[in-house]
């Protein structure tokens, strides 16, 4: 997975790390330890909740789920 970090001097960057890692990283430009940035759950799901024009999707926009039984 990719994780986002922020260096005080050089801004944001991403690092690919194992999900079980400690999620620490040094800035690729200066080598200083960077702070991990945590995204809100709303931001993570925003791509599936909203259409490309920014309007919110409705239930009818999704395929029906088939149930056995």
Protein backbone atom coordinates (compact mmCIF):
# COMPACT_ATOMS: atom_id res chain seq x y z
CA UNK A 1 0.00 0.00 0.00
CA UNK A 2 1.03 3.61 -0.49
CA UNK A 3 1.21 5.86 2.55
CA UNK A 4 1.49 9.64 2.53
CA UNK A 5 4.05 11.54 4.58
CA UNK A 6 4.84 15.23 5.05
CA UNK A 7 8.28 16.78 5.42
CA UNK A 8 8.35 20.14 7.22
CA UNK A 9 10.70 21.58 4.56
CA UNK A 10 9.73 19.78 1.34
CA UNK A 11 6.04 18.94 1.62
CA UNK A 12 4.18 15.75 0.80
CA UNK A 13 5.43 12.48 -0.66
CA UNK A 14 4.25 8.87 -0.83
CA UNK A 15 6.04 5.68 0.13
CA UNK A 16 4.99 2.13 -0.69
CA UNK A 17 5.17 0.00 2.44
CA UNK A 18 3.89 -3.32 3.69
CA UNK A 19 0.62 -3.00 5.58
CA UNK A 20 2.35 -4.53 8.65
CA UNK A 21 5.25 -2.02 8.59
CA UNK A 22 5.72 0.66 11.25
CA UNK A 23 4.94 3.33 8.61
CA UNK A 24 7.91 5.61 9.19
CA UNK A 25 9.76 7.36 6.39
CA UNK A 26 12.49 9.88 5.75
CA UNK A 27 12.12 12.69 3.24
CA UNK A 28 13.68 11.66 -0.09
CA UNK A 29 15.13 15.18 -0.51
CA UNK A 30 16.67 15.98 2.87
CA UNK A 31 16.61 12.65 4.72
CA UNK A 32 14.79 14.06 7.77
CA UNK A 33 12.10 11.96 9.45
CA UNK A 34 8.67 12.84 8.05
CA UNK A 35 5.25 12.83 9.71
CA UNK A 36 2.71 10.33 8.42
CA UNK A 37 -0.50 11.89 7.11
CA UNK A 38 -3.76 10.16 8.01
CA UNK A 39 -6.71 10.53 5.64
CA UNK A 40 -10.28 10.61 6.86
CA UNK A 41 -12.56 7.73 5.91
CA UNK A 42 -14.77 10.19 4.01
CA UNK A 43 -11.86 11.10 1.72
CA UNK A 44 -11.00 7.45 1.07
CA UNK A 45 -14.55 6.64 -0.02
CA UNK A 46 -15.12 9.93 -1.89
CA UNK A 47 -14.34 8.35 -5.24
CA UNK A 48 -17.21 5.88 -4.88
CA UNK A 49 -19.70 8.26 -3.23
CA UNK A 50 -19.53 11.04 -5.82
CA UNK A 51 -19.85 11.25 -9.59
CA UNK A 52 -17.18 12.92 -11.74
CA UNK A 53 -19.22 16.15 -11.80
CA UNK A 54 -19.10 16.29 -7.98
CA UNK A 55 -22.75 15.33 -7.37
CA UNK A 56 -23.46 12.59 -4.88
CA UNK A 57 -24.39 9.16 -6.25
CA UNK A 58 -27.79 7.73 -5.38
CA UNK A 59 -28.69 4.12 -4.57
CA UNK A 60 -29.99 3.59 -8.12
CA UNK A 61 -26.47 4.31 -9.47
CA UNK A 62 -25.17 1.03 -8.07
CA UNK A 63 -25.76 -2.48 -9.39
CA UNK A 64 -28.18 -4.65 -7.44
CA UNK A 65 -26.66 -7.31 -5.21
CA UNK A 66 -27.92 -10.79 -5.89
CA UNK A 67 -28.89 -12.88 -2.87
CA UNK A 68 -29.17 -16.63 -2.84
CA UNK A 69 -32.10 -17.94 -0.92
